[in-house]
Amino acid sequence: MPFTLRRTGRIRLKRQIEQLFKEGQSMHVYPIRARWLDIPYDGVTARMMVSVPKKNFKRAVDRNLIKRRIRNAYRLHRDELIVPEDRTRHFAFVCIAKTVPTYAETEAAIRTLLTNTAVR
């Protein structure tokens, strides 16, 4: 699997985001909370989105840094994700930390979340 994160790998539609947060399952590993939802296969194995609340990180520089770290960790470790062949898994990663987490913390949390969501 290539290590790129293309536009088709992102959740962009408002109705998909609402459905994910309304019906999806949740799990958190500090500093990230993940929500995921399996939908019928639509050409992509997994899609994702990232959210960093302005309430916790006032400066856009910090929010963008955290989002970039989460996307990069996901991009490098999404091959560890196990999804049934007839399903597409939508992910939402939300930063729940109060301070900017290091890349090592972010990467460890993403790896744990990706491997543990396959079990549920």
PDB file of N, CA and C in Angstrom:
ATOM      1  N   MET A   1       0.856  -1.179   0.000  1.00  0.00           N
ATOM      2  CA  MET A   1       0.000   0.000   0.000  1.00  0.00           C
ATOM      3  C   MET A   1       0.898   1.237   0.000  1.00  0.00           C
ATOM      4  N   PRO A   2       0.647   2.184  -0.875  1.00  0.00           N
ATOM      5  CA  PRO A   2       1.477   3.393  -0.897  1.00  0.00           C
ATOM      6  C   PRO A   2       1.265   4.222   0.370  1.00  0.00           C
ATOM      7  N   PHE A   3       2.281   4.993   0.711  1.00  0.00           N
ATOM      8  CA  PHE A   3       2.233   5.790   1.938  1.00  0.00           C
ATOM      9  C   PHE A   3       1.650   7.181   1.730  1.00  0.00           C
ATOM     10  N   THR A   4       0.840   7.353   0.699  1.00  0.00           N
ATOM     11  CA  THR A   4       0.230   8.659   0.464  1.00  0.00           C
ATOM     12  C   THR A   4      -1.163   8.701   1.086  1.00  0.00           C
ATOM     13  N   LEU A   5      -1.611   9.891   1.380  1.00  0.00           N
ATOM     14  CA  LEU A   5      -2.957  10.083   1.923  1.00  0.00           C
ATOM     15  C   LEU A   5      -3.712  10.957   0.932  1.00  0.00           C
ATOM     16  N   ARG A   6      -4.416  10.319   0.039  1.00  0.00           N
ATOM     17  CA  ARG A   6      -5.097  11.030  -1.036  1.00  0.00           C
ATOM     18  C   ARG A   6      -6.439  11.599  -0.572  1.00  0.00           C
ATOM     19  N   ARG A   7      -7.018  12.390  -1.427  1.00  0.00           N
ATOM     20  CA  ARG A   7      -8.302  13.022  -1.110  1.00  0.00           C
ATOM     21  C   ARG A   7      -9.391  11.965  -0.903  1.00  0.00           C
ATOM     22  N   THR A   8      -9.312  10.859  -1.627  1.00  0.00           N
ATOM     23  CA  THR A   8     -10.319   9.804  -1.467  1.00  0.00           C
ATOM     24  C   THR A   8     -10.226   9.140  -0.099  1.00  0.00           C
ATOM     25  N   GLY A   9      -9.126   9.332   0.606  1.00  0.00           N
ATOM     26  CA  GLY A   9      -8.954   8.756   1.931  1.00  0.00           C
ATOM     27  C   GLY A   9      -9.414   9.655   3.051  1.00  0.00           C
ATOM     28  N   ARG A  10     -10.045  10.774   2.714  1.00  0.00           N
ATOM     29  CA  ARG A  10     -10.509  11.724   3.722  1.00  0.00           C
ATOM     30  C   ARG A  10     -12.035  11.777   3.747  1.00  0.00           C
ATOM     31  N   ILE A  11     -12.591  12.032   4.902  1.00  0.00           N
ATOM     32  CA  ILE A  11     -14.033  12.227   5.033  1.00  0.00           C
ATOM     33  C   ILE A  11     -14.295  13.716   4.826  1.00  0.00           C
ATOM     34  N   ARG A  12     -15.163  14.041   3.882  1.00  0.00           N
ATOM     35  CA  ARG A  12     -15.421  15.443   3.562  1.00  0.00           C
ATOM     36  C   ARG A  12     -16.899  15.815   3.647  1.00  0.00           C
ATOM     37  N   LEU A  13     -17.780  14.858   3.495  1.00  0.00           N
ATOM     38  CA  LEU A  13     -19.208  15.166   3.458  1.00  0.00           C
ATOM     39  C   LEU A  13     -19.781  15.338   4.871  1.00  0.00           C
ATOM     40  N   LYS A  14     -20.582  16.366   5.047  1.00  0.00           N
ATOM     41  CA  LYS A  14     -21.167  16.662   6.351  1.00  0.00           C
ATOM     42  C   LYS A  14     -22.036  15.510   6.846  1.00  0.00           C
ATOM     43  N   ARG A  15     -22.784  14.893   5.952  1.00  0.00           N
ATOM     44  CA  ARG A  15     -23.668  13.799   6.389  1.00  0.00           C
ATOM     45  C   ARG A  15     -22.858  12.585   6.843  1.00  0.00           C
ATOM     46  N   GLN A  16     -21.690  12.340   6.244  1.00  0.00           N
ATOM     47  CA  GLN A  16     -20.826  11.238   6.688  1.00  0.00           C
ATOM     48  C   GLN A  16     -20.244  11.535   8.068  1.00  0.00           C
ATOM     49  N   ILE A  17     -19.869  12.780   8.305  1.00  0.00           N
ATOM     50  CA  ILE A  17     -19.324  13.176   9.604  1.00  0.00           C
ATOM     51  C   ILE A  17     -20.399  13.058  10.677  1.00  0.00           C
ATOM     52  N   GLU A  18     -21.599  13.527  10.383  1.00  0.00           N
ATOM     53  CA  GLU A  18     -22.699  13.431  11.346  1.00  0.00           C
ATOM     54  C   GLU A  18     -23.033  11.975  11.655  1.00  0.00           C
ATOM     55  N   GLN A  19     -23.077  11.137  10.637  1.00  0.00           N
ATOM     56  CA  GLN A  19     -23.359   9.720  10.839  1.00  0.00           C
ATOM     57  C   GLN A  19     -22.277   9.066  11.685  1.00  0.00           C
ATOM     58  N   LEU A  20     -21.027   9.406  11.437  1.00  0.00           N
ATOM     59  CA  LEU A  20     -19.907   8.843  12.188  1.00  0.00           C
ATOM     60  C   LEU A  20     -20.013   9.178  13.670  1.00  0.00           C
ATOM     61  N   PHE A  21     -20.295  10.442  13.994  1.00  0.00           N
ATOM     62  CA  PHE A  21     -20.371  10.834  15.394  1.00  0.00           C
ATOM     63  C   PHE A  21     -21.667  10.384  16.057  1.00  0.00           C
ATOM     64  N   LYS A  22     -22.706  10.146  15.270  1.00  0.00           N
ATOM     65  CA  LYS A  22     -23.987   9.713  15.822  1.00  0.00           C
ATOM     66  C   LYS A  22     -24.013   8.200  16.075  1.00  0.00           C
ATOM     67  N   GLU A  23     -23.509   7.418  15.116  1.00  0.00           N
ATOM     68  CA  GLU A  23     -23.647   5.967  15.182  1.00  0.00           C
ATOM     69  C   GLU A  23     -22.347   5.223  15.480  1.00  0.00           C
ATOM     70  N   GLY A  24     -21.214   5.899  15.406  1.00  0.00           N
ATOM     71  CA  GLY A  24     -19.927   5.227  15.508  1.00  0.00           C
ATOM     72  C   GLY A  24     -19.566   4.782  16.912  1.00  0.00           C
ATOM     73  N   GLN A  25     -18.603   3.878  16.972  1.00  0.00           N
ATOM     74  CA  GLN A  25     -18.052   3.413  18.237  1.00  0.00           C
ATOM     75  C   GLN A  25     -16.893   4.321  18.626  1.00  0.00           C
ATOM     76  N   SER A  26     -16.553   4.334  19.918  1.00  0.00           N
ATOM     77  CA  SER A  26     -15.523   5.240  20.394  1.00  0.00           C
ATOM     78  C   SER A  26     -14.514   4.500  21.265  1.00  0.00           C
ATOM     79  N   MET A  27     -13.288   5.000  21.223  1.00  0.00           N
ATOM     80  CA  MET A  27     -12.215   4.460  22.055  1.00  0.00           C
ATOM     81  C   MET A  27     -11.174   5.554  22.184  1.00  0.00           C
ATOM     82  N   HIS A  28     -10.510   5.632  23.328  1.00  0.00           N
ATOM     83  CA  HIS A  28      -9.449   6.632  23.421  1.00  0.00           C
ATOM     84  C   HIS A  28      -8.198   6.060  24.052  1.00  0.00           C
ATOM     85  N   VAL A  29      -7.094   6.522  23.518  1.00  0.00           N
ATOM     86  CA  VAL A  29      -5.760   6.263  24.046  1.00  0.00           C
ATOM     87  C   VAL A  29      -5.106   7.633  24.082  1.00  0.00           C
ATOM     88  N   TYR A  30      -4.731   8.076  25.276  1.00  0.00           N
ATOM     89  CA  TYR A  30      -4.201   9.420  25.412  1.00  0.00           C
ATOM     90  C   TYR A  30      -3.058   9.623  24.427  1.00  0.00           C
ATOM     91  N   PRO A  31      -3.073  10.678  23.669  1.00  0.00           N
ATOM     92  CA  PRO A  31      -3.842  11.918  23.655  1.00  0.00           C
ATOM     93  C   PRO A  31      -4.916  11.982  22.579  1.00  0.00           C
ATOM     94  N   ILE A  32      -5.394  10.819  22.089  1.00  0.00           N
ATOM     95  CA  ILE A  32      -6.338  10.829  20.967  1.00  0.00           C
ATOM     96  C   ILE A  32      -7.569   9.987  21.283  1.00  0.00           C
ATOM     97  N   ARG A  33      -8.735  10.515  20.922  1.00  0.00           N
ATOM     98  CA  ARG A  33      -9.968   9.739  20.960  1.00  0.00           C
ATOM     99  C   ARG A  33     -10.336   9.421  19.514  1.00  0.00           C
ATOM    100  N   ALA A  34     -10.679   8.170  19.274  1.00  0.00           N
ATOM    101  CA  ALA A  34     -11.056   7.757  17.920  1.00  0.00           C
ATOM    102  C   ALA A  34     -12.514   7.330  17.911  1.00  0.00           C
ATOM    103  N   ARG A  35     -13.202   7.698  16.865  1.00  0.00           N
ATOM    104  CA  ARG A  35     -14.545   7.193  16.585  1.00  0.00           C
ATOM    105  C   ARG A  35     -14.466   6.526  15.235  1.00  0.00           C
ATOM    106  N   TRP A  36     -15.130   5.394  15.093  1.00  0.00           N
ATOM    107  CA  TRP A  36     -15.112   4.712  13.806  1.00  0.00           C
ATOM    108  C   TRP A  36     -16.459   4.077  13.536  1.00  0.00           C
ATOM    109  N   LEU A  37     -16.701   3.900  12.256  1.00  0.00           N
ATOM    110  CA  LEU A  37     -17.964   3.340  11.801  1.00  0.00           C
ATOM    111  C   LEU A  37     -17.704   2.559  10.523  1.00  0.00           C
ATOM    112  N   ASP A  38     -18.196   1.339  10.458  1.00  0.00           N
ATOM    113  CA  ASP A  38     -18.094   0.535   9.243  1.00  0.00           C
ATOM    114  C   ASP A  38     -19.333   0.768   8.394  1.00  0.00           C
ATOM    115  N   ILE A  39     -19.112   1.070   7.130  1.00  0.00           N
ATOM    116  CA  ILE A  39     -20.200   1.270   6.183  1.00  0.00           C
ATOM    117  C   ILE A  39     -19.990   0.322   5.013  1.00  0.00           C
ATOM    118  N   PRO A  40     -20.982   0.128   4.161  1.00  0.00           N
ATOM    119  CA  PRO A  40     -20.780  -0.732   2.990  1.00  0.00           C
ATOM    120  C   PRO A  40     -19.627  -0.222   2.119  1.00  0.00           C
ATOM    121  N   TYR A  41     -18.912  -1.143   1.506  1.00  0.00           N
ATOM    122  CA  TYR A  41     -17.729  -0.815   0.712  1.00  0.00           C
ATOM    123  C   TYR A  41     -18.075   0.164  -0.406  1.00  0.00           C
ATOM    124  N   ASP A  42     -17.285   1.234  -0.503  1.00  0.00           N
ATOM    125  CA  ASP A  42     -17.521   2.243  -1.538  1.00  0.00           C
ATOM    126  C   ASP A  42     -16.252   2.571  -2.316  1.00  0.00           C
ATOM    127  N   GLY A  43     -15.367   1.600  -2.460  1.00  0.00           N
ATOM    128  CA  GLY A  43     -14.176   1.795  -3.278  1.00  0.00           C
ATOM    129  C   GLY A  43     -12.910   2.090  -2.499  1.00  0.00           C
ATOM    130  N   VAL A  44     -13.010   2.414  -1.228  1.00  0.00           N
ATOM    131  CA  VAL A  44     -11.849   2.728  -0.403  1.00  0.00           C
ATOM    132  C   VAL A  44     -11.934   1.894   0.869  1.00  0.00           C
ATOM    133  N   THR A  45     -10.797   1.395   1.338  1.00  0.00           N
ATOM    134  CA  THR A  45     -10.779   0.572   2.544  1.00  0.00           C
ATOM    135  C   THR A  45     -11.089   1.398   3.793  1.00  0.00           C
ATOM    136  N   ALA A  46     -10.484   2.583   3.893  1.00  0.00           N
ATOM    137  CA  ALA A  46     -10.676   3.420   5.080  1.00  0.00           C
ATOM    138  C   ALA A  46     -10.611   4.899   4.704  1.00  0.00           C
ATOM    139  N   ARG A  47     -11.383   5.695   5.444  1.00  0.00           N
ATOM    140  CA  ARG A  47     -11.343   7.146   5.315  1.00  0.00           C
ATOM    141  C   ARG A  47     -11.146   7.728   6.710  1.00  0.00           C
ATOM    142  N   MET A  48     -10.595   8.914   6.772  1.00  0.00           N
ATOM    143  CA  MET A  48     -10.335   9.503   8.085  1.00  0.00           C
ATOM    144  C   MET A  48     -10.542  11.005   8.072  1.00  0.00           C
ATOM    145  N   MET A  49     -10.683  11.559   9.275  1.00  0.00           N
ATOM    146  CA  MET A  49     -10.709  12.998   9.487  1.00  0.00           C
ATOM    147  C   MET A  49     -10.037  13.279  10.823  1.00  0.00           C
ATOM    148  N   VAL A  50      -9.553  14.493  10.993  1.00  0.00           N
ATOM    149  CA  VAL A  50      -8.862  14.884  12.219  1.00  0.00           C
ATOM    150  C   VAL A  50      -9.504  16.156  12.751  1.00  0.00           C
ATOM    151  N   SER A  51      -9.665  16.223  14.071  1.00  0.00           N
ATOM    152  CA  SER A  51     -10.207  17.409  14.711  1.00  0.00           C
ATOM    153  C   SER A  51      -9.374  17.742  15.942  1.00  0.00           C
ATOM    154  N   VAL A  52      -9.025  19.008  16.061  1.00  0.00           N
ATOM    155  CA  VAL A  52      -8.316  19.501  17.239  1.00  0.00           C
ATOM    156  C   VAL A  52      -9.112  20.701  17.746  1.00  0.00           C
ATOM    157  N   PRO A  53      -9.670  20.618  18.956  1.00  0.00           N
ATOM    158  CA  PRO A  53     -10.566  21.671  19.435  1.00  0.00           C
ATOM    159  C   PRO A  53      -9.853  22.990  19.717  1.00  0.00           C
ATOM    160  N   LYS A  54     -10.471  24.043  19.258  1.00  0.00           N
ATOM    161  CA  LYS A  54      -9.954  25.390  19.486  1.00  0.00           C
ATOM    162  C   LYS A  54     -10.020  25.750  20.976  1.00  0.00           C
ATOM    163  N   LYS A  55     -10.902  25.111  21.693  1.00  0.00           N
ATOM    164  CA  LYS A  55     -11.038  25.357  23.127  1.00  0.00           C
ATOM    165  C   LYS A  55      -9.735  25.015  23.865  1.00  0.00           C
ATOM    166  N   ASN A  56      -9.071  23.928  23.443  1.00  0.00           N
ATOM    167  CA  ASN A  56      -7.852  23.487  24.122  1.00  0.00           C
ATOM    168  C   ASN A  56      -6.590  24.109  23.535  1.00  0.00           C
ATOM    169  N   PHE A  57      -6.613  24.452  22.256  1.00  0.00           N
ATOM    170  CA  PHE A  57      -5.436  24.991  21.579  1.00  0.00           C
ATOM    171  C   PHE A  57      -5.837  26.265  20.854  1.00  0.00           C
ATOM    172  N   LYS A  58      -5.586  27.395  21.471  1.00  0.00           N
ATOM    173  CA  LYS A  58      -6.022  28.679  20.928  1.00  0.00           C
ATOM    174  C   LYS A  58      -5.259  29.056  19.660  1.00  0.00           C
ATOM    175  N   ARG A  59      -3.991  28.708  19.602  1.00  0.00           N
ATOM    176  CA  ARG A  59      -3.159  29.115  18.475  1.00  0.00           C
ATOM    177  C   ARG A  59      -3.299  28.139  17.310  1.00  0.00           C
ATOM    178  N   ALA A  60      -3.552  28.659  16.132  1.00  0.00           N
ATOM    179  CA  ALA A  60      -3.727  27.827  14.941  1.00  0.00           C
ATOM    180  C   ALA A  60      -2.458  27.036  14.621  1.00  0.00           C
ATOM    181  N   VAL A  61      -1.313  27.588  14.959  1.00  0.00           N
ATOM    182  CA  VAL A  61      -0.044  26.906  14.723  1.00  0.00           C
ATOM    183  C   VAL A  61      -0.019  25.575  15.473  1.00  0.00           C
ATOM    184  N   ASP A  62      -0.475  25.580  16.724  1.00  0.00           N
ATOM    185  CA  ASP A  62      -0.500  24.352  17.524  1.00  0.00           C
ATOM    186  C   ASP A  62      -1.514  23.352  16.974  1.00  0.00           C
ATOM    187  N   ARG A  63      -2.698  23.842  16.602  1.00  0.00           N
ATOM    188  CA  ARG A  63      -3.721  22.948  16.048  1.00  0.00           C
ATOM    189  C   ARG A  63      -3.225  22.291  14.766  1.00  0.00           C
ATOM    190  N   ASN A  64      -2.612  23.076  13.902  1.00  0.00           N
ATOM    191  CA  ASN A  64      -2.114  22.530  12.633  1.00  0.00           C
ATOM    192  C   ASN A  64      -0.985  21.537  12.851  1.00  0.00           C
ATOM    193  N   LEU A  65      -0.112  21.787  13.817  1.00  0.00           N
ATOM    194  CA  LEU A  65       0.969  20.860  14.135  1.00  0.00           C
ATOM    195  C   LEU A  65       0.422  19.516  14.595  1.00  0.00           C
ATOM    196  N   ILE A  66      -0.563  19.551  15.474  1.00  0.00           N
ATOM    197  CA  ILE A  66      -1.155  18.315  15.982  1.00  0.00           C
ATOM    198  C   ILE A  66      -1.860  17.555  14.862  1.00  0.00           C
ATOM    199  N   LYS A  67      -2.621  18.266  14.028  1.00  0.00           N
ATOM    200  CA  LYS A  67      -3.309  17.609  12.908  1.00  0.00           C
ATOM    201  C   LYS A  67      -2.311  16.964  11.955  1.00  0.00           C
ATOM    202  N   ARG A  68      -1.223  17.664  11.674  1.00  0.00           N
ATOM    203  CA  ARG A  68      -0.207  17.128  10.775  1.00  0.00           C
ATOM    204  C   ARG A  68       0.427  15.868  11.362  1.00  0.00           C
ATOM    205  N   ARG A  69       0.697  15.874  12.664  1.00  0.00           N
ATOM    206  CA  ARG A  69       1.283  14.691  13.321  1.00  0.00           C
ATOM    207  C   ARG A  69       0.320  13.503  13.293  1.00  0.00           C
ATOM    208  N   ILE A  70      -0.952  13.751  13.535  1.00  0.00           N
ATOM    209  CA  ILE A  70      -1.941  12.670  13.519  1.00  0.00           C
ATOM    210  C   ILE A  70      -2.067  12.087  12.115  1.00  0.00           C
ATOM    211  N   ARG A  71      -2.174  12.948  11.109  1.00  0.00           N
ATOM    212  CA  ARG A  71      -2.289  12.469   9.723  1.00  0.00           C
ATOM    213  C   ARG A  71      -1.070  11.669   9.302  1.00  0.00           C
ATOM    214  N   ASN A  72       0.115  12.124   9.695  1.00  0.00           N
ATOM    215  CA  ASN A  72       1.339  11.423   9.325  1.00  0.00           C
ATOM    216  C   ASN A  72       1.410  10.052   9.997  1.00  0.00           C
ATOM    217  N   ALA A  73       1.082   9.973  11.275  1.00  0.00           N
ATOM    218  CA  ALA A  73       1.095   8.689  11.975  1.00  0.00           C
ATOM    219  C   ALA A  73       0.081   7.726  11.355  1.00  0.00           C
ATOM    220  N   TYR A  74      -1.099   8.228  11.021  1.00  0.00           N
ATOM    221  CA  TYR A  74      -2.111   7.393  10.376  1.00  0.00           C
ATOM    222  C   TYR A  74      -1.620   6.897   9.015  1.00  0.00           C
ATOM    223  N   ARG A  75      -1.048   7.805   8.245  1.00  0.00           N
ATOM    224  CA  ARG A  75      -0.553   7.466   6.902  1.00  0.00           C
ATOM    225  C   ARG A  75       0.502   6.365   6.962  1.00  0.00           C
ATOM    226  N   LEU A  76       1.373   6.403   7.960  1.00  0.00           N
ATOM    227  CA  LEU A  76       2.447   5.417   8.060  1.00  0.00           C
ATOM    228  C   LEU A  76       1.977   4.070   8.605  1.00  0.00           C
ATOM    229  N   HIS A  77       0.912   4.065   9.401  1.00  0.00           N
ATOM    230  CA  HIS A  77       0.505   2.834  10.085  1.00  0.00           C
ATOM    231  C   HIS A  77      -0.860   2.303   9.678  1.00  0.00           C
ATOM    232  N   ARG A  78      -1.474   2.857   8.640  1.00  0.00           N
ATOM    233  CA  ARG A  78      -2.808   2.376   8.268  1.00  0.00           C
ATOM    234  C   ARG A  78      -2.786   0.969   7.684  1.00  0.00           C
ATOM    235  N   ASP A  79      -1.627   0.467   7.286  1.00  0.00           N
ATOM    236  CA  ASP A  79      -1.563  -0.903   6.777  1.00  0.00           C
ATOM    237  C   ASP A  79      -1.765  -1.927   7.891  1.00  0.00           C
ATOM    238  N   GLU A  80      -1.677  -1.504   9.158  1.00  0.00           N
ATOM    239  CA  GLU A  80      -1.944  -2.390  10.287  1.00  0.00           C
ATOM    240  C   GLU A  80      -3.446  -2.545  10.545  1.00  0.00           C
ATOM    241  N   LEU A  81      -4.223  -1.754   9.864  1.00  0.00           N
ATOM    242  CA  LEU A  81      -5.678  -1.767  10.020  1.00  0.00           C
ATOM    243  C   LEU A  81      -6.269  -2.981   9.313  1.00  0.00           C
ATOM    244  N   ILE A  82      -7.149  -3.695  10.001  1.00  0.00           N
ATOM    245  CA  ILE A  82      -7.828  -4.853   9.419  1.00  0.00           C
ATOM    246  C   ILE A  82      -9.306  -4.509   9.292  1.00  0.00           C
ATOM    247  N   VAL A  83      -9.771  -4.474   8.044  1.00  0.00           N
ATOM    248  CA  VAL A  83     -11.172  -4.139   7.751  1.00  0.00           C
ATOM    249  C   VAL A  83     -11.753  -5.273   6.920  1.00  0.00           C
ATOM    250  N   PRO A  84     -12.981  -5.721   7.212  1.00  0.00           N
ATOM    251  CA  PRO A  84     -13.601  -6.742   6.369  1.00  0.00           C
ATOM    252  C   PRO A  84     -13.652  -6.293   4.913  1.00  0.00           C
ATOM    253  N   GLU A  85     -13.557  -7.233   3.995  1.00  0.00           N
ATOM    254  CA  GLU A  85     -13.448  -6.931   2.563  1.00  0.00           C
ATOM    255  C   GLU A  85     -14.656  -6.182   2.005  1.00  0.00           C
ATOM    256  N   ASP A  86     -15.830  -6.404   2.574  1.00  0.00           N
ATOM    257  CA  ASP A  86     -17.036  -5.774   2.038  1.00  0.00           C
ATOM    258  C   ASP A  86     -17.426  -4.504   2.795  1.00  0.00           C
ATOM    259  N   ARG A  87     -16.485  -3.932   3.554  1.00  0.00           N
ATOM    260  CA  ARG A  87     -16.769  -2.753   4.373  1.00  0.00           C
ATOM    261  C   ARG A  87     -15.736  -1.659   4.131  1.00  0.00           C
ATOM    262  N   THR A  88     -16.131  -0.424   4.410  1.00  0.00           N
ATOM    263  CA  THR A  88     -15.237   0.724   4.459  1.00  0.00           C
ATOM    264  C   THR A  88     -15.316   1.272   5.874  1.00  0.00           C
ATOM    265  N   ARG A  89     -14.172   1.555   6.473  1.00  0.00           N
ATOM    266  CA  ARG A  89     -14.164   2.058   7.840  1.00  0.00           C
ATOM    267  C   ARG A  89     -13.858   3.555   7.827  1.00  0.00           C
ATOM    268  N   HIS A  90     -14.741   4.323   8.460  1.00  0.00           N
ATOM    269  CA  HIS A  90     -14.543   5.763   8.617  1.00  0.00           C
ATOM    270  C   HIS A  90     -13.997   6.026  10.014  1.00  0.00           C
ATOM    271  N   PHE A  91     -12.965   6.853  10.091  1.00  0.00           N
ATOM    272  CA  PHE A  91     -12.337   7.220  11.363  1.00  0.00           C
ATOM    273  C   PHE A  91     -12.425   8.720  11.578  1.00  0.00           C
ATOM    274  N   ALA A  92     -12.603   9.113  12.843  1.00  0.00           N
ATOM    275  CA  ALA A  92     -12.448  10.504  13.264  1.00  0.00           C
ATOM    276  C   ALA A  92     -11.489  10.484  14.442  1.00  0.00           C
ATOM    277  N   PHE A  93     -10.383  11.187  14.312  1.00  0.00           N
ATOM    278  CA  PHE A  93      -9.407  11.293  15.389  1.00  0.00           C
ATOM    279  C   PHE A  93      -9.532  12.680  15.998  1.00  0.00           C
ATOM    280  N   VAL A  94      -9.746  12.734  17.321  1.00  0.00           N
ATOM    281  CA  VAL A  94      -9.908  13.993  18.034  1.00  0.00           C
ATOM    282  C   VAL A  94      -8.843  14.061  19.120  1.00  0.00           C
ATOM    283  N   CYS A  95      -8.104  15.158  19.162  1.00  0.00           N
ATOM    284  CA  CYS A  95      -7.070  15.335  20.180  1.00  0.00           C
ATOM    285  C   CYS A  95      -7.748  15.749  21.489  1.00  0.00           C
ATOM    286  N   ILE A  96      -7.481  15.000  22.566  1.00  0.00           N
ATOM    287  CA  ILE A  96      -8.100  15.301  23.857  1.00  0.00           C
ATOM    288  C   ILE A  96      -7.092  15.860  24.855  1.00  0.00           C
ATOM    289  N   ALA A  97      -5.850  16.066  24.440  1.00  0.00           N
ATOM    290  CA  ALA A  97      -4.813  16.587  25.327  1.00  0.00           C
ATOM    291  C   ALA A  97      -5.027  18.074  25.582  1.00  0.00           C
ATOM    292  N   LYS A  98      -4.435  18.561  26.650  1.00  0.00           N
ATOM    293  CA  LYS A  98      -4.482  19.985  26.966  1.00  0.00           C
ATOM    294  C   LYS A  98      -3.192  20.693  26.550  1.00  0.00           C
ATOM    295  N   THR A  99      -2.127  19.918  26.341  1.00  0.00           N
ATOM    296  CA  THR A  99      -0.861  20.463  25.857  1.00  0.00           C
ATOM    297  C   THR A  99      -0.503  19.732  24.568  1.00  0.00           C
ATOM    298  N   VAL A 100       0.399  20.302  23.795  1.00  0.00           N
ATOM    299  CA  VAL A 100       0.778  19.717  22.510  1.00  0.00           C
ATOM    300  C   VAL A 100       1.522  18.401  22.761  1.00  0.00           C
ATOM    301  N   PRO A 101       0.964  17.259  22.310  1.00  0.00           N
ATOM    302  CA  PRO A 101       1.651  15.974  22.514  1.00  0.00           C
ATOM    303  C   PRO A 101       2.834  15.834  21.560  1.00  0.00           C
ATOM    304  N   THR A 102       3.811  15.037  21.978  1.00  0.00           N
ATOM    305  CA  THR A 102       4.958  14.785  21.112  1.00  0.00           C
ATOM    306  C   THR A 102       4.542  13.852  19.984  1.00  0.00           C
ATOM    307  N   TYR A 103       5.378  13.791  18.957  1.00  0.00           N
ATOM    308  CA  TYR A 103       5.068  12.895  17.847  1.00  0.00           C
ATOM    309  C   TYR A 103       5.083  11.443  18.307  1.00  0.00           C
ATOM    310  N   ALA A 104       5.989  11.086  19.208  1.00  0.00           N
ATOM    311  CA  ALA A 104       6.071   9.703  19.694  1.00  0.00           C
ATOM    312  C   ALA A 104       4.768   9.298  20.405  1.00  0.00           C
ATOM    313  N   GLU A 105       4.214  10.186  21.223  1.00  0.00           N
ATOM    314  CA  GLU A 105       2.948   9.901  21.902  1.00  0.00           C
ATOM    315  C   GLU A 105       1.818   9.739  20.888  1.00  0.00           C
ATOM    316  N   THR A 106       1.788  10.631  19.912  1.00  0.00           N
ATOM    317  CA  THR A 106       0.750  10.593  18.887  1.00  0.00           C
ATOM    318  C   THR A 106       0.837   9.308  18.077  1.00  0.00           C
ATOM    319  N   GLU A 107       2.041   8.945  17.650  1.00  0.00           N
ATOM    320  CA  GLU A 107       2.222   7.747  16.838  1.00  0.00           C
ATOM    321  C   GLU A 107       1.846   6.485  17.609  1.00  0.00           C
ATOM    322  N   ALA A 108       2.253   6.407  18.876  1.00  0.00           N
ATOM    323  CA  ALA A 108       1.910   5.241  19.692  1.00  0.00           C
ATOM    324  C   ALA A 108       0.396   5.118  19.863  1.00  0.00           C
ATOM    325  N   ALA A 109      -0.284   6.236  20.075  1.00  0.00           N
ATOM    326  CA  ALA A 109      -1.732   6.209  20.247  1.00  0.00           C
ATOM    327  C   ALA A 109      -2.426   5.771  18.960  1.00  0.00           C
ATOM    328  N   ILE A 110      -2.000   6.289  17.817  1.00  0.00           N
ATOM    329  CA  ILE A 110      -2.605   5.911  16.536  1.00  0.00           C
ATOM    330  C   ILE A 110      -2.403   4.429  16.267  1.00  0.00           C
ATOM    331  N   ARG A 111      -1.193   3.912  16.503  1.00  0.00           N
ATOM    332  CA  ARG A 111      -0.937   2.475  16.282  1.00  0.00           C
ATOM    333  C   ARG A 111      -1.841   1.622  17.161  1.00  0.00           C
ATOM    334  N   THR A 112      -1.960   1.992  18.413  1.00  0.00           N
ATOM    335  CA  THR A 112      -2.809   1.245  19.332  1.00  0.00           C
ATOM    336  C   THR A 112      -4.275   1.299  18.894  1.00  0.00           C
ATOM    337  N   LEU A 113      -4.735   2.463  18.507  1.00  0.00           N
ATOM    338  CA  LEU A 113      -6.128   2.601  18.072  1.00  0.00           C
ATOM    339  C   LEU A 113      -6.399   1.802  16.810  1.00  0.00           C
ATOM    340  N   LEU A 114      -5.501   1.845  15.836  1.00  0.00           N
ATOM    341  CA  LEU A 114      -5.713   1.115  14.593  1.00  0.00           C
ATOM    342  C   LEU A 114      -5.727  -0.392  14.819  1.00  0.00           C
ATOM    343  N   THR A 115      -4.867  -0.895  15.686  1.00  0.00           N
ATOM    344  CA  THR A 115      -4.835  -2.350  15.917  1.00  0.00           C
ATOM    345  C   THR A 115      -6.002  -2.796  16.801  1.00  0.00           C
ATOM    346  N   ASN A 116      -6.424  -1.958  17.760  1.00  0.00           N
ATOM    347  CA  ASN A 116      -7.502  -2.355  18.666  1.00  0.00           C
ATOM    348  C   ASN A 116      -8.888  -2.211  18.078  1.00  0.00           C
ATOM    349  N   THR A 117      -9.069  -1.387  17.073  1.00  0.00           N
ATOM    350  CA  THR A 117     -10.393  -1.268  16.462  1.00  0.00           C
ATOM    351  C   THR A 117     -10.733  -2.502  15.647  1.00  0.00           C
ATOM    352  N   ALA A 118      -9.727  -3.248  15.217  1.00  0.00           N
ATOM    353  CA  ALA A 118      -9.978  -4.481  14.465  1.00  0.00           C
ATOM    354  C   ALA A 118     -10.599  -5.545  15.374  1.00  0.00           C
ATOM    355  N   VAL A 119     -10.278  -5.497  16.652  1.00  0.00           N
ATOM    356  CA  VAL A 119     -10.779  -6.482  17.607  1.00  0.00           C
ATOM    357  C   VAL A 119     -12.257  -6.259  17.877  1.00  0.00           C
ATOM    358  N   ARG A 120     -12.682  -5.015  17.941  1.00  0.00           N
ATOM    359  CA  ARG A 120     -14.067  -4.692  18.296  1.00  0.00           C
ATOM    360  C   ARG A 120     -15.009  -4.880  17.141  1.00  0.00           C
TER     361      ARG A 120
END
